[in-house]
Amino acid sequence: MDLVEVNPSGHDITVNLNTFDTNQTQHSCGVDTTDVTQNFHVYDVIWTSSSVILKVDGGVGCSLSTAIPTEPMFLIMNNAIGGSGGCPNGGNCPNNSTFPQNMLVDYVKITQP
């Protein structure tokens, strides 16, 4: 499960929720939010046996009811930066002028029902 992936598209920021089924087919939903480089945001992921819901700043952004993971998972927070379309030989490659990157985290809270 890829909980939060930020994709800039023009001036919009889309926060994505991705799950993968047993055939590795990706199921996704996303929500637009403000520039994540300018403010802190609160991301909530509510994971039950029947759905995964993504909230951004308290509002329901999107939900998935297909390919819901059933195995235990753990949290990884990182700046995984990639490209598409055959990087580095073309396609949508990261712009080297945007490096180095930083990720600022105010707090992390994990609860179980």
PDB file of N, CA and C in Angstrom:
ATOM      1  N   MET A   1       0.858  -1.165   0.000  1.00  0.00           N
ATOM      2  CA  MET A   1       0.000   0.000   0.000  1.00  0.00           C
ATOM      3  C   MET A   1       0.902   1.225   0.000  1.00  0.00           C
ATOM      4  N   ASP A   2       0.685   2.102  -0.938  1.00  0.00           N
ATOM      5  CA  ASP A   2       1.411   3.354  -1.051  1.00  0.00           C
ATOM      6  C   ASP A   2       0.458   4.417  -0.514  1.00  0.00           C
ATOM      7  N   LEU A   3       0.693   4.865   0.710  1.00  0.00           N
ATOM      8  CA  LEU A   3      -0.301   5.697   1.382  1.00  0.00           C
ATOM      9  C   LEU A   3      -0.354   7.120   0.880  1.00  0.00           C
ATOM     10  N   VAL A   4       0.767   7.776   0.780  1.00  0.00           N
ATOM     11  CA  VAL A   4       0.757   9.162   0.338  1.00  0.00           C
ATOM     12  C   VAL A   4       1.876   9.337  -0.677  1.00  0.00           C
ATOM     13  N   GLU A   5       1.502   9.709  -1.855  1.00  0.00           N
ATOM     14  CA  GLU A   5       2.454   9.989  -2.907  1.00  0.00           C
ATOM     15  C   GLU A   5       2.048  11.329  -3.478  1.00  0.00           C
ATOM     16  N   VAL A   6       2.939  12.294  -3.450  1.00  0.00           N
ATOM     17  CA  VAL A   6       2.601  13.643  -3.893  1.00  0.00           C
ATOM     18  C   VAL A   6       3.107  13.829  -5.307  1.00  0.00           C
ATOM     19  N   ASN A   7       2.199  14.146  -6.206  1.00  0.00           N
ATOM     20  CA  ASN A   7       2.528  14.361  -7.607  1.00  0.00           C
ATOM     21  C   ASN A   7       2.164  15.779  -8.014  1.00  0.00           C
ATOM     22  N   PRO A   8       3.152  16.617  -8.304  1.00  0.00           N
ATOM     23  CA  PRO A   8       2.814  17.964  -8.781  1.00  0.00           C
ATOM     24  C   PRO A   8       2.380  17.913 -10.235  1.00  0.00           C
ATOM     25  N   SER A   9       1.289  18.590 -10.539  1.00  0.00           N
ATOM     26  CA  SER A   9       0.822  18.702 -11.924  1.00  0.00           C
ATOM     27  C   SER A   9       0.461  20.162 -12.155  1.00  0.00           C
ATOM     28  N   GLY A  10       1.384  20.898 -12.721  1.00  0.00           N
ATOM     29  CA  GLY A  10       1.185  22.336 -12.844  1.00  0.00           C
ATOM     30  C   GLY A  10       1.299  22.958 -11.472  1.00  0.00           C
ATOM     31  N   HIS A  11       0.289  23.677 -11.042  1.00  0.00           N
ATOM     32  CA  HIS A  11       0.287  24.296  -9.719  1.00  0.00           C
ATOM     33  C   HIS A  11      -0.497  23.482  -8.706  1.00  0.00           C
ATOM     34  N   ASP A  12      -1.119  22.395  -9.152  1.00  0.00           N
ATOM     35  CA  ASP A  12      -1.908  21.561  -8.256  1.00  0.00           C
ATOM     36  C   ASP A  12      -1.037  20.470  -7.653  1.00  0.00           C
ATOM     37  N   ILE A  13      -1.406  20.032  -6.482  1.00  0.00           N
ATOM     38  CA  ILE A  13      -0.747  18.912  -5.829  1.00  0.00           C
ATOM     39  C   ILE A  13      -1.811  17.838  -5.645  1.00  0.00           C
ATOM     40  N   THR A  14      -1.532  16.642  -6.098  1.00  0.00           N
ATOM     41  CA  THR A  14      -2.448  15.529  -5.904  1.00  0.00           C
ATOM     42  C   THR A  14      -1.803  14.546  -4.938  1.00  0.00           C
ATOM     43  N   VAL A  15      -2.525  14.215  -3.877  1.00  0.00           N
ATOM     44  CA  VAL A  15      -2.074  13.223  -2.912  1.00  0.00           C
ATOM     45  C   VAL A  15      -2.787  11.925  -3.261  1.00  0.00           C
ATOM     46  N   ASN A  16      -2.021  10.881  -3.504  1.00  0.00           N
ATOM     47  CA  ASN A  16      -2.586   9.627  -3.984  1.00  0.00           C
ATOM     48  C   ASN A  16      -2.575   8.537  -2.927  1.00  0.00           C
ATOM     49  N   LEU A  17      -3.531   7.654  -3.037  1.00  0.00           N
ATOM     50  CA  LEU A  17      -3.609   6.428  -2.247  1.00  0.00           C
ATOM     51  C   LEU A  17      -3.611   5.286  -3.248  1.00  0.00           C
ATOM     52  N   ASN A  18      -2.660   4.377  -3.122  1.00  0.00           N
ATOM     53  CA  ASN A  18      -2.536   3.262  -4.064  1.00  0.00           C
ATOM     54  C   ASN A  18      -2.557   1.944  -3.323  1.00  0.00           C
ATOM     55  N   THR A  19      -3.295   0.978  -3.832  1.00  0.00           N
ATOM     56  CA  THR A  19      -3.237  -0.396  -3.338  1.00  0.00           C
ATOM     57  C   THR A  19      -3.010  -1.299  -4.537  1.00  0.00           C
ATOM     58  N   PHE A  20      -2.553  -2.508  -4.277  1.00  0.00           N
ATOM     59  CA  PHE A  20      -2.252  -3.452  -5.344  1.00  0.00           C
ATOM     60  C   PHE A  20      -2.903  -4.783  -5.014  1.00  0.00           C
ATOM     61  N   ASP A  21      -3.557  -5.391  -6.013  1.00  0.00           N
ATOM     62  CA  ASP A  21      -4.193  -6.680  -5.764  1.00  0.00           C
ATOM     63  C   ASP A  21      -3.190  -7.814  -5.992  1.00  0.00           C
ATOM     64  N   THR A  22      -3.646  -9.044  -5.898  1.00  0.00           N
ATOM     65  CA  THR A  22      -2.747 -10.196  -5.995  1.00  0.00           C
ATOM     66  C   THR A  22      -2.104 -10.310  -7.369  1.00  0.00           C
ATOM     67  N   ASN A  23      -2.670  -9.684  -8.383  1.00  0.00           N
ATOM     68  CA  ASN A  23      -2.076  -9.677  -9.722  1.00  0.00           C
ATOM     69  C   ASN A  23      -1.190  -8.449  -9.944  1.00  0.00           C
ATOM     70  N   GLN A  24      -0.930  -7.692  -8.862  1.00  0.00           N
ATOM     71  CA  GLN A  24      -0.138  -6.461  -8.909  1.00  0.00           C
ATOM     72  C   GLN A  24      -0.790  -5.373  -9.759  1.00  0.00           C
ATOM     73  N   THR A  25      -2.123  -5.433  -9.881  1.00  0.00           N
ATOM     74  CA  THR A  25      -2.867  -4.364 -10.534  1.00  0.00           C
ATOM     75  C   THR A  25      -3.041  -3.238  -9.524  1.00  0.00           C
ATOM     76  N   GLN A  26      -2.735  -2.020  -9.946  1.00  0.00           N
ATOM     77  CA  GLN A  26      -2.816  -0.874  -9.052  1.00  0.00           C
ATOM     78  C   GLN A  26      -4.228  -0.307  -9.024  1.00  0.00           C
ATOM     79  N   HIS A  27      -4.721   0.007  -7.829  1.00  0.00           N
ATOM     80  CA  HIS A  27      -6.006   0.667  -7.624  1.00  0.00           C
ATOM     81  C   HIS A  27      -5.698   1.980  -6.902  1.00  0.00           C
ATOM     82  N   SER A  28      -6.166   3.114  -7.445  1.00  0.00           N
ATOM     83  CA  SER A  28      -5.753   4.415  -6.930  1.00  0.00           C
ATOM     84  C   SER A  28      -6.918   5.376  -6.805  1.00  0.00           C
ATOM     85  N   CYS A  29      -6.742   6.322  -5.935  1.00  0.00           N
ATOM     86  CA  CYS A  29      -7.610   7.490  -5.874  1.00  0.00           C
ATOM     87  C   CYS A  29      -6.745   8.651  -5.394  1.00  0.00           C
ATOM     88  N   GLY A  30      -7.183   9.860  -5.627  1.00  0.00           N
ATOM     89  CA  GLY A  30      -6.381  11.012  -5.253  1.00  0.00           C
ATOM     90  C   GLY A  30      -7.236  12.200  -4.893  1.00  0.00           C
ATOM     91  N   VAL A  31      -6.590  13.167  -4.256  1.00  0.00           N
ATOM     92  CA  VAL A  31      -7.266  14.400  -3.861  1.00  0.00           C
ATOM     93  C   VAL A  31      -6.307  15.559  -4.085  1.00  0.00           C
ATOM     94  N   ASP A  32      -6.832  16.668  -4.605  1.00  0.00           N
ATOM     95  CA  ASP A  32      -6.015  17.862  -4.789  1.00  0.00           C
ATOM     96  C   ASP A  32      -5.944  18.639  -3.482  1.00  0.00           C
ATOM     97  N   THR A  33      -4.783  19.206  -3.224  1.00  0.00           N
ATOM     98  CA  THR A  33      -4.590  20.014  -2.026  1.00  0.00           C
ATOM     99  C   THR A  33      -3.668  21.173  -2.367  1.00  0.00           C
ATOM    100  N   THR A  34      -3.393  22.015  -1.387  1.00  0.00           N
ATOM    101  CA  THR A  34      -2.535  23.176  -1.615  1.00  0.00           C
ATOM    102  C   THR A  34      -1.075  22.749  -1.653  1.00  0.00           C
ATOM    103  N   ASP A  35      -0.229  23.659  -1.992  1.00  0.00           N
ATOM    104  CA  ASP A  35       1.204  23.398  -2.129  1.00  0.00           C
ATOM    105  C   ASP A  35       1.787  22.855  -0.826  1.00  0.00           C
ATOM    106  N   VAL A  36       2.214  21.597  -0.865  1.00  0.00           N
ATOM    107  CA  VAL A  36       2.726  20.950   0.347  1.00  0.00           C
ATOM    108  C   VAL A  36       4.102  21.466   0.746  1.00  0.00           C
ATOM    109  N   THR A  37       4.720  22.299  -0.085  1.00  0.00           N
ATOM    110  CA  THR A  37       6.014  22.880   0.282  1.00  0.00           C
ATOM    111  C   THR A  37       5.853  24.133   1.132  1.00  0.00           C
ATOM    112  N   GLN A  38       4.633  24.640   1.250  1.00  0.00           N
ATOM    113  CA  GLN A  38       4.419  25.900   1.953  1.00  0.00           C
ATOM    114  C   GLN A  38       3.819  25.745   3.348  1.00  0.00           C
ATOM    115  N   ASN A  39       3.129  24.642   3.613  1.00  0.00           N
ATOM    116  CA  ASN A  39       2.431  24.465   4.888  1.00  0.00           C
ATOM    117  C   ASN A  39       2.501  23.010   5.330  1.00  0.00           C
ATOM    118  N   PHE A  40       2.350  22.801   6.644  1.00  0.00           N
ATOM    119  CA  PHE A  40       2.172  21.446   7.145  1.00  0.00           C
ATOM    120  C   PHE A  40       0.733  21.015   6.876  1.00  0.00           C
ATOM    121  N   HIS A  41       0.537  19.734   6.639  1.00  0.00           N
ATOM    122  CA  HIS A  41      -0.796  19.178   6.417  1.00  0.00           C
ATOM    123  C   HIS A  41      -0.957  17.936   7.284  1.00  0.00           C
ATOM    124  N   VAL A  42      -2.203  17.606   7.589  1.00  0.00           N
ATOM    125  CA  VAL A  42      -2.506  16.402   8.360  1.00  0.00           C
ATOM    126  C   VAL A  42      -3.082  15.368   7.398  1.00  0.00           C
ATOM    127  N   TYR A  43      -2.396  14.227   7.306  1.00  0.00           N
ATOM    128  CA  TYR A  43      -2.840  13.123   6.456  1.00  0.00           C
ATOM    129  C   TYR A  43      -3.341  12.014   7.371  1.00  0.00           C
ATOM    130  N   ASP A  44      -4.570  11.574   7.156  1.00  0.00           N
ATOM    131  CA  ASP A  44      -5.144  10.458   7.905  1.00  0.00           C
ATOM    132  C   ASP A  44      -5.397   9.316   6.934  1.00  0.00           C
ATOM    133  N   VAL A  45      -5.025   8.125   7.339  1.00  0.00           N
ATOM    134  CA  VAL A  45      -5.348   6.927   6.578  1.00  0.00           C
ATOM    135  C   VAL A  45      -6.125   6.014   7.512  1.00  0.00           C
ATOM    136  N   ILE A  46      -7.366   5.731   7.164  1.00  0.00           N
ATOM    137  CA  ILE A  46      -8.229   4.873   7.972  1.00  0.00           C
ATOM    138  C   ILE A  46      -8.367   3.560   7.212  1.00  0.00           C
ATOM    139  N   TRP A  47      -7.769   2.515   7.779  1.00  0.00           N
ATOM    140  CA  TRP A  47      -7.667   1.219   7.105  1.00  0.00           C
ATOM    141  C   TRP A  47      -8.512   0.215   7.867  1.00  0.00           C
ATOM    142  N   THR A  48      -9.565  -0.281   7.231  1.00  0.00           N
ATOM    143  CA  THR A  48     -10.414  -1.322   7.810  1.00  0.00           C
ATOM    144  C   THR A  48     -10.384  -2.536   6.878  1.00  0.00           C
ATOM    145  N   SER A  49     -11.076  -3.571   7.251  1.00  0.00           N
ATOM    146  CA  SER A  49     -11.104  -4.768   6.414  1.00  0.00           C
ATOM    147  C   SER A  49     -11.850  -4.552   5.103  1.00  0.00           C
ATOM    148  N   SER A  50     -12.668  -3.495   5.015  1.00  0.00           N
ATOM    149  CA  SER A  50     -13.467  -3.286   3.807  1.00  0.00           C
ATOM    150  C   SER A  50     -13.096  -2.038   3.002  1.00  0.00           C
ATOM    151  N   SER A  51     -12.227  -1.175   3.549  1.00  0.00           N
ATOM    152  CA  SER A  51     -11.877   0.040   2.810  1.00  0.00           C
ATOM    153  C   SER A  51     -10.607   0.676   3.362  1.00  0.00           C
ATOM    154  N   VAL A  52     -10.047   1.556   2.543  1.00  0.00           N
ATOM    155  CA  VAL A  52      -8.964   2.440   2.968  1.00  0.00           C
ATOM    156  C   VAL A  52      -9.409   3.838   2.593  1.00  0.00           C
ATOM    157  N   ILE A  53      -9.431   4.737   3.577  1.00  0.00           N
ATOM    158  CA  ILE A  53      -9.890   6.109   3.368  1.00  0.00           C
ATOM    159  C   ILE A  53      -8.723   7.044   3.600  1.00  0.00           C
ATOM    160  N   LEU A  54      -8.517   7.980   2.690  1.00  0.00           N
ATOM    161  CA  LEU A  54      -7.487   8.991   2.819  1.00  0.00           C
ATOM    162  C   LEU A  54      -8.144  10.325   3.118  1.00  0.00           C
ATOM    163  N   LYS A  55      -7.722  10.956   4.200  1.00  0.00           N
ATOM    164  CA  LYS A  55      -8.193  12.296   4.543  1.00  0.00           C
ATOM    165  C   LYS A  55      -6.994  13.242   4.503  1.00  0.00           C
ATOM    166  N   VAL A  56      -7.235  14.451   4.017  1.00  0.00           N
ATOM    167  CA  VAL A  56      -6.218  15.493   4.021  1.00  0.00           C
ATOM    168  C   VAL A  56      -6.803  16.682   4.756  1.00  0.00           C
ATOM    169  N   ASP A  57      -6.137  17.090   5.827  1.00  0.00           N
ATOM    170  CA  ASP A  57      -6.581  18.219   6.655  1.00  0.00           C
ATOM    171  C   ASP A  57      -8.017  18.059   7.142  1.00  0.00           C
ATOM    172  N   GLY A  58      -8.395  16.817   7.478  1.00  0.00           N
ATOM    173  CA  GLY A  58      -9.697  16.549   8.073  1.00  0.00           C
ATOM    174  C   GLY A  58     -10.807  16.231   7.102  1.00  0.00           C
ATOM    175  N   GLY A  59     -10.640  16.552   5.832  1.00  0.00           N
ATOM    176  CA  GLY A  59     -11.681  16.264   4.847  1.00  0.00           C
ATOM    177  C   GLY A  59     -11.401  14.949   4.146  1.00  0.00           C
ATOM    178  N   VAL A  60     -12.465  14.199   3.870  1.00  0.00           N
ATOM    179  CA  VAL A  60     -12.294  12.930   3.169  1.00  0.00           C
ATOM    180  C   VAL A  60     -11.863  13.236   1.746  1.00  0.00           C
ATOM    181  N   GLY A  61     -10.693  12.728   1.390  1.00  0.00           N
ATOM    182  CA  GLY A  61     -10.175  12.959   0.057  1.00  0.00           C
ATOM    183  C   GLY A  61     -10.644  11.903  -0.913  1.00  0.00           C
ATOM    184  N   CYS A  62     -10.479  10.655  -0.526  1.00  0.00           N
ATOM    185  CA  CYS A  62     -10.880   9.567  -1.399  1.00  0.00           C
ATOM    186  C   CYS A  62     -10.894   8.275  -0.602  1.00  0.00           C
ATOM    187  N   SER A  63     -11.496   7.248  -1.193  1.00  0.00           N
ATOM    188  CA  SER A  63     -11.515   5.952  -0.526  1.00  0.00           C
ATOM    189  C   SER A  63     -11.457   4.846  -1.565  1.00  0.00           C
ATOM    190  N   LEU A  64     -10.906   3.724  -1.141  1.00  0.00           N
ATOM    191  CA  LEU A  64     -10.833   2.535  -1.980  1.00  0.00           C
ATOM    192  C   LEU A  64     -11.515   1.391  -1.260  1.00  0.00           C
ATOM    193  N   SER A  65     -12.244   0.576  -2.017  1.00  0.00           N
ATOM    194  CA  SER A  65     -12.863  -0.613  -1.429  1.00  0.00           C
ATOM    195  C   SER A  65     -12.445  -1.868  -2.192  1.00  0.00           C
ATOM    196  N   THR A  66     -11.444  -1.730  -3.042  1.00  0.00           N
ATOM    197  CA  THR A  66     -10.914  -2.853  -3.810  1.00  0.00           C
ATOM    198  C   THR A  66      -9.461  -3.067  -3.438  1.00  0.00           C
ATOM    199  N   ALA A  67      -9.017  -4.303  -3.436  1.00  0.00           N
ATOM    200  CA  ALA A  67      -7.614  -4.654  -3.171  1.00  0.00           C
ATOM    201  C   ALA A  67      -7.147  -4.124  -1.818  1.00  0.00           C
ATOM    202  N   ILE A  68      -7.972  -4.316  -0.791  1.00  0.00           N
ATOM    203  CA  ILE A  68      -7.619  -3.857   0.551  1.00  0.00           C
ATOM    204  C   ILE A  68      -6.625  -4.850   1.161  1.00  0.00           C
ATOM    205  N   PRO A  69      -5.456  -4.369   1.591  1.00  0.00           N
ATOM    206  CA  PRO A  69      -4.462  -5.285   2.168  1.00  0.00           C
ATOM    207  C   PRO A  69      -4.989  -5.972   3.425  1.00  0.00           C
ATOM    208  N   THR A  70      -4.609  -7.232   3.590  1.00  0.00           N
ATOM    209  CA  THR A  70      -5.021  -7.982   4.779  1.00  0.00           C
ATOM    210  C   THR A  70      -3.837  -8.350   5.663  1.00  0.00           C
ATOM    211  N   GLU A  71      -2.629  -8.168   5.167  1.00  0.00           N
ATOM    212  CA  GLU A  71      -1.457  -8.517   5.961  1.00  0.00           C
ATOM    213  C   GLU A  71      -0.985  -7.308   6.773  1.00  0.00           C
ATOM    214  N   PRO A  72      -0.322  -7.550   7.903  1.00  0.00           N
ATOM    215  CA  PRO A  72       0.215  -6.437   8.699  1.00  0.00           C
ATOM    216  C   PRO A  72       1.245  -5.643   7.890  1.00  0.00           C
ATOM    217  N   MET A  73       1.347  -4.371   8.185  1.00  0.00           N
ATOM    218  CA  MET A  73       2.309  -3.500   7.502  1.00  0.00           C
ATOM    219  C   MET A  73       3.000  -2.618   8.524  1.00  0.00           C
ATOM    220  N   PHE A  74       4.063  -1.960   8.077  1.00  0.00           N
ATOM    221  CA  PHE A  74       4.773  -1.015   8.926  1.00  0.00           C
ATOM    222  C   PHE A  74       4.991   0.269   8.146  1.00  0.00           C
ATOM    223  N   LEU A  75       5.309   1.323   8.856  1.00  0.00           N
ATOM    224  CA  LEU A  75       5.431   2.651   8.273  1.00  0.00           C
ATOM    225  C   LEU A  75       6.858   2.908   7.803  1.00  0.00           C
ATOM    226  N   ILE A  76       6.987   3.406   6.587  1.00  0.00           N
ATOM    227  CA  ILE A  76       8.251   3.915   6.065  1.00  0.00           C
ATOM    228  C   ILE A  76       7.969   5.332   5.577  1.00  0.00           C
ATOM    229  N   MET A  77       8.767   6.280   6.027  1.00  0.00           N
ATOM    230  CA  MET A  77       8.638   7.662   5.557  1.00  0.00           C
ATOM    231  C   MET A  77       9.946   8.018   4.864  1.00  0.00           C
ATOM    232  N   ASN A  78       9.844   8.439   3.601  1.00  0.00           N
ATOM    233  CA  ASN A  78      11.061   8.787   2.875  1.00  0.00           C
ATOM    234  C   ASN A  78      10.765   9.736   1.726  1.00  0.00           C
ATOM    235  N   ASN A  79      11.821  10.180   1.105  1.00  0.00           N
ATOM    236  CA  ASN A  79      11.740  11.006  -0.099  1.00  0.00           C
ATOM    237  C   ASN A  79      12.109  10.153  -1.300  1.00  0.00           C
ATOM    238  N   ALA A  80      11.333   9.147  -1.582  1.00  0.00           N
ATOM    239  CA  ALA A  80      11.597   8.320  -2.757  1.00  0.00           C
ATOM    240  C   ALA A  80      11.256   9.148  -3.993  1.00  0.00           C
ATOM    241  N   ILE A  81      12.244   9.388  -4.815  1.00  0.00           N
ATOM    242  CA  ILE A  81      12.059  10.248  -5.979  1.00  0.00           C
ATOM    243  C   ILE A  81      12.375   9.433  -7.217  1.00  0.00           C
ATOM    244  N   GLY A  82      11.444   9.392  -8.134  1.00  0.00           N
ATOM    245  CA  GLY A  82      11.650   8.594  -9.334  1.00  0.00           C
ATOM    246  C   GLY A  82      11.131   9.293 -10.561  1.00  0.00           C
ATOM    247  N   GLY A  83      11.197   8.597 -11.646  1.00  0.00           N
ATOM    248  CA  GLY A  83      10.706   9.103 -12.915  1.00  0.00           C
ATOM    249  C   GLY A  83       9.929   8.019 -13.622  1.00  0.00           C
ATOM    250  N   SER A  84       9.542   8.312 -14.830  1.00  0.00           N
ATOM    251  CA  SER A  84       8.801   7.327 -15.607  1.00  0.00           C
ATOM    252  C   SER A  84       9.203   7.467 -17.068  1.00  0.00           C
ATOM    253  N   GLY A  85       8.833   6.493 -17.855  1.00  0.00           N
ATOM    254  CA  GLY A  85       9.081   6.579 -19.286  1.00  0.00           C
ATOM    255  C   GLY A  85      10.511   6.284 -19.685  1.00  0.00           C
ATOM    256  N   GLY A  86      11.199   5.424 -18.951  1.00  0.00           N
ATOM    257  CA  GLY A  86      12.542   5.029 -19.352  1.00  0.00           C
ATOM    258  C   GLY A  86      13.655   5.870 -18.784  1.00  0.00           C
ATOM    259  N   CYS A  87      13.442   6.504 -17.664  1.00  0.00           N
ATOM    260  CA  CYS A  87      14.494   7.296 -17.024  1.00  0.00           C
ATOM    261  C   CYS A  87      15.713   6.407 -16.806  1.00  0.00           C
ATOM    262  N   PRO A  88      16.920   6.817 -16.970  1.00  0.00           N
ATOM    263  CA  PRO A  88      17.387   8.175 -17.297  1.00  0.00           C
ATOM    264  C   PRO A  88      17.517   8.452 -18.786  1.00  0.00           C
ATOM    265  N   ASN A  89      17.084   7.548 -19.649  1.00  0.00           N
ATOM    266  CA  ASN A  89      17.269   7.738 -21.089  1.00  0.00           C
ATOM    267  C   ASN A  89      16.084   8.425 -21.758  1.00  0.00           C
ATOM    268  N   GLY A  90      15.357   9.217 -21.023  1.00  0.00           N
ATOM    269  CA  GLY A  90      14.200   9.898 -21.598  1.00  0.00           C
ATOM    270  C   GLY A  90      13.034   9.810 -20.648  1.00  0.00           C
ATOM    271  N   GLY A  91      11.903  10.271 -21.080  1.00  0.00           N
ATOM    272  CA  GLY A  91      10.712  10.203 -20.244  1.00  0.00           C
ATOM    273  C   GLY A  91      10.664  11.326 -19.230  1.00  0.00           C
ATOM    274  N   ASN A  92       9.930  11.106 -18.175  1.00  0.00           N
ATOM    275  CA  ASN A  92       9.686  12.109 -17.146  1.00  0.00           C
ATOM    276  C   ASN A  92      10.682  11.926 -16.003  1.00  0.00           C
ATOM    277  N   CYS A  93      11.881  12.448 -16.158  1.00  0.00           N
ATOM    278  CA  CYS A  93      12.944  12.286 -15.167  1.00  0.00           C
ATOM    279  C   CYS A  93      12.928  13.438 -14.170  1.00  0.00           C
ATOM    280  N   PRO A  94      13.340  13.185 -12.916  1.00  0.00           N
ATOM    281  CA  PRO A  94      13.454  14.284 -11.948  1.00  0.00           C
ATOM    282  C   PRO A  94      14.451  15.328 -12.429  1.00  0.00           C
ATOM    283  N   ASN A  95      14.170  16.575 -12.133  1.00  0.00           N
ATOM    284  CA  ASN A  95      15.049  17.677 -12.498  1.00  0.00           C
ATOM    285  C   ASN A  95      16.138  17.814 -11.434  1.00  0.00           C
ATOM    286  N   ASN A  96      17.394  17.648 -11.815  1.00  0.00           N
ATOM    287  CA  ASN A  96      18.497  17.694 -10.859  1.00  0.00           C
ATOM    288  C   ASN A  96      18.610  19.028 -10.126  1.00  0.00           C
ATOM    289  N   SER A  97      18.066  20.098 -10.697  1.00  0.00           N
ATOM    290  CA  SER A  97      18.157  21.399 -10.025  1.00  0.00           C
ATOM    291  C   SER A  97      17.273  21.463  -8.785  1.00  0.00           C
ATOM    292  N   THR A  98      16.388  20.483  -8.579  1.00  0.00           N
ATOM    293  CA  THR A  98      15.512  20.483  -7.401  1.00  0.00           C
ATOM    294  C   THR A  98      16.130  19.753  -6.208  1.00  0.00           C
ATOM    295  N   PHE A  99      17.369  19.291  -6.353  1.00  0.00           N
ATOM    296  CA  PHE A  99      18.026  18.556  -5.266  1.00  0.00           C
ATOM    297  C   PHE A  99      18.999  19.459  -4.531  1.00  0.00           C
ATOM    298  N   PRO A 100      19.309  19.239  -3.277  1.00  0.00           N
ATOM    299  CA  PRO A 100      18.777  18.149  -2.450  1.00  0.00           C
ATOM    300  C   PRO A 100      17.349  18.427  -2.012  1.00  0.00           C
ATOM    301  N   GLN A 101      16.648  17.386  -1.586  1.00  0.00           N
ATOM    302  CA  GLN A 101      15.272  17.468  -1.105  1.00  0.00           C
ATOM    303  C   GLN A 101      15.230  17.315   0.410  1.00  0.00           C
ATOM    304  N   ASN A 102      14.209  17.869   1.039  1.00  0.00           N
ATOM    305  CA  ASN A 102      13.985  17.729   2.480  1.00  0.00           C
ATOM    306  C   ASN A 102      12.561  17.283   2.730  1.00  0.00           C
ATOM    307  N   MET A 103      12.369  16.570   3.829  1.00  0.00           N
ATOM    308  CA  MET A 103      11.032  16.210   4.278  1.00  0.00           C
ATOM    309  C   MET A 103      10.959  16.604   5.747  1.00  0.00           C
ATOM    310  N   LEU A 104      10.058  17.506   6.066  1.00  0.00           N
ATOM    311  CA  LEU A 104       9.878  17.951   7.443  1.00  0.00           C
ATOM    312  C   LEU A 104       8.613  17.319   8.003  1.00  0.00           C
ATOM    313  N   VAL A 105       8.747  16.624   9.127  1.00  0.00           N
ATOM    314  CA  VAL A 105       7.612  15.946   9.765  1.00  0.00           C
ATOM    315  C   VAL A 105       7.470  16.516  11.159  1.00  0.00           C
ATOM    316  N   ASP A 106       6.292  17.035  11.481  1.00  0.00           N
ATOM    317  CA  ASP A 106       6.031  17.581  12.805  1.00  0.00           C
ATOM    318  C   ASP A 106       5.768  16.459  13.802  1.00  0.00           C
ATOM    319  N   TYR A 107       4.911  15.498  13.453  1.00  0.00           N
ATOM    320  CA  TYR A 107       4.655  14.352  14.338  1.00  0.00           C
ATOM    321  C   TYR A 107       4.018  13.217  13.545  1.00  0.00           C
ATOM    322  N   VAL A 108       4.072  12.035  14.121  1.00  0.00           N
ATOM    323  CA  VAL A 108       3.429  10.843  13.566  1.00  0.00           C
ATOM    324  C   VAL A 108       2.644  10.196  14.694  1.00  0.00           C
ATOM    325  N   LYS A 109       1.402   9.856  14.411  1.00  0.00           N
ATOM    326  CA  LYS A 109       0.542   9.201  15.396  1.00  0.00           C
ATOM    327  C   LYS A 109      -0.102   7.992  14.732  1.00  0.00           C
ATOM    328  N   ILE A 110       0.093   6.827  15.316  1.00  0.00           N
ATOM    329  CA  ILE A 110      -0.496   5.597  14.783  1.00  0.00           C
ATOM    330  C   ILE A 110      -1.362   4.978  15.867  1.00  0.00           C
ATOM    331  N   THR A 111      -2.612   4.682  15.520  1.00  0.00           N
ATOM    332  CA  THR A 111      -3.531   4.074  16.490  1.00  0.00           C
ATOM    333  C   THR A 111      -4.196   2.862  15.855  1.00  0.00           C
ATOM    334  N   GLN A 112      -4.718   2.010  16.695  1.00  0.00           N
ATOM    335  CA  GLN A 112      -5.522   0.872  16.250  1.00  0.00           C
ATOM    336  C   GLN A 112      -6.880   0.944  16.923  1.00  0.00           C
ATOM    337  N   PRO A 113      -7.929   0.515  16.195  1.00  0.00           N
ATOM    338  CA  PRO A 113      -9.273   0.554  16.804  1.00  0.00           C
ATOM    339  C   PRO A 113      -9.403  -0.438  17.944  1.00  0.00           C
TER     340      PRO A 113
END
